[in-house]
Protein backbone atom coordinates (compact mmCIF):
# COMPACT_ATOMS: atom_id res chain seq x y z
CA MET A 1 25.53 -41.97 -136.76
CA HIS A 2 24.63 -44.90 -139.03
CA HIS A 3 26.86 -45.33 -142.07
CA SER A 4 26.00 -47.52 -145.02
CA ASP A 5 27.83 -50.79 -145.47
CA ALA A 6 29.46 -49.45 -148.63
CA ARG A 7 30.82 -46.44 -146.78
CA LEU A 8 32.12 -48.55 -143.88
CA VAL A 9 33.83 -50.95 -146.29
CA ALA A 10 35.40 -48.14 -148.31
CA GLN A 11 36.64 -46.36 -145.20
CA PHE A 12 37.97 -49.59 -143.71
CA ILE A 13 39.87 -50.40 -146.91
CA ALA A 14 41.34 -46.89 -146.94
CA THR A 15 42.29 -46.74 -143.27
CA ARG A 16 42.32 -50.32 -141.90
CA ASP A 17 40.59 -48.82 -138.82
CA GLU A 18 39.38 -51.84 -136.85
CA ARG A 19 36.52 -49.81 -135.34
CA LEU A 20 34.93 -49.66 -138.79
CA PHE A 21 35.20 -53.41 -139.20
CA THR A 22 33.73 -53.87 -135.72
CA GLN A 23 30.63 -51.99 -136.87
CA LEU A 24 30.22 -54.40 -139.80
CA TYR A 25 30.82 -57.36 -137.48
CA GLN A 26 28.17 -56.19 -135.03
CA ARG A 27 25.75 -55.48 -137.85
CA TYR A 28 26.06 -58.97 -139.39
CA TYR A 29 27.09 -61.32 -136.56
CA ARG A 30 23.56 -62.58 -135.85
CA LYS A 31 22.75 -63.16 -139.51
CA VAL A 32 25.96 -65.10 -140.13
CA TYR A 33 25.55 -67.05 -136.88
CA ALA A 34 21.97 -68.00 -137.77
CA SER A 35 23.12 -69.29 -141.15
CA CYS A 36 25.88 -71.37 -139.56
CA PHE A 37 23.62 -72.66 -136.78
CA ARG A 38 21.25 -74.19 -139.34
CA PHE A 39 24.01 -76.58 -140.36
CA MET A 40 25.98 -77.24 -137.16
CA LYS A 41 25.89 -77.28 -133.39
CA GLU A 42 26.07 -74.07 -131.37
CA GLU A 43 29.77 -74.18 -130.49
CA GLU A 44 30.75 -75.11 -134.05
CA ALA A 45 28.57 -72.29 -135.39
CA ARG A 46 30.28 -69.73 -133.13
CA ASP A 47 33.70 -71.00 -134.22
CA GLN A 48 32.68 -70.83 -137.87
CA VAL A 49 31.44 -67.26 -137.50
CA GLN A 50 34.84 -66.25 -136.11
CA GLU A 51 36.55 -68.03 -139.00
CA ILE A 52 34.32 -66.29 -141.54
CA PHE A 53 34.84 -62.81 -140.12
CA GLY A 54 38.58 -63.44 -139.84
CA LYS A 55 38.69 -64.19 -143.56
CA VAL A 56 36.53 -61.17 -144.35
CA PHE A 57 38.88 -58.98 -142.30
CA THR A 58 41.98 -60.13 -144.16
CA ARG A 59 40.39 -60.12 -147.62
CA LEU A 60 38.07 -57.12 -147.51
CA HIS A 61 40.58 -55.05 -149.47
CA THR A 62 39.73 -57.23 -152.50
CA PHE A 63 36.01 -56.38 -152.30
CA ARG A 64 34.99 -54.66 -155.54
CA SER A 65 31.56 -53.38 -154.46
CA GLN A 66 29.86 -55.05 -157.41
CA SER A 67 27.36 -56.48 -154.93
CA SER A 68 26.31 -55.49 -151.46
CA PHE A 69 28.47 -56.36 -148.50
CA ALA A 70 25.55 -58.29 -147.01
CA THR A 71 25.70 -60.89 -149.75
């Protein structure tokens, strides 16, 4: 079953269920990696993606849904 980003975010905030965050991670990893890779080498890009998603994980509870998660 494919849930919308908004639903995954809301459910993750409510439950802190890491499986929900994993779905978001898998959905956006390539896009974030591609953005990072344009500005840095491959290994640095992979490290940066991990850093980005780590910050998203710890701060997602502050997301106000005024824009899409993808942005």
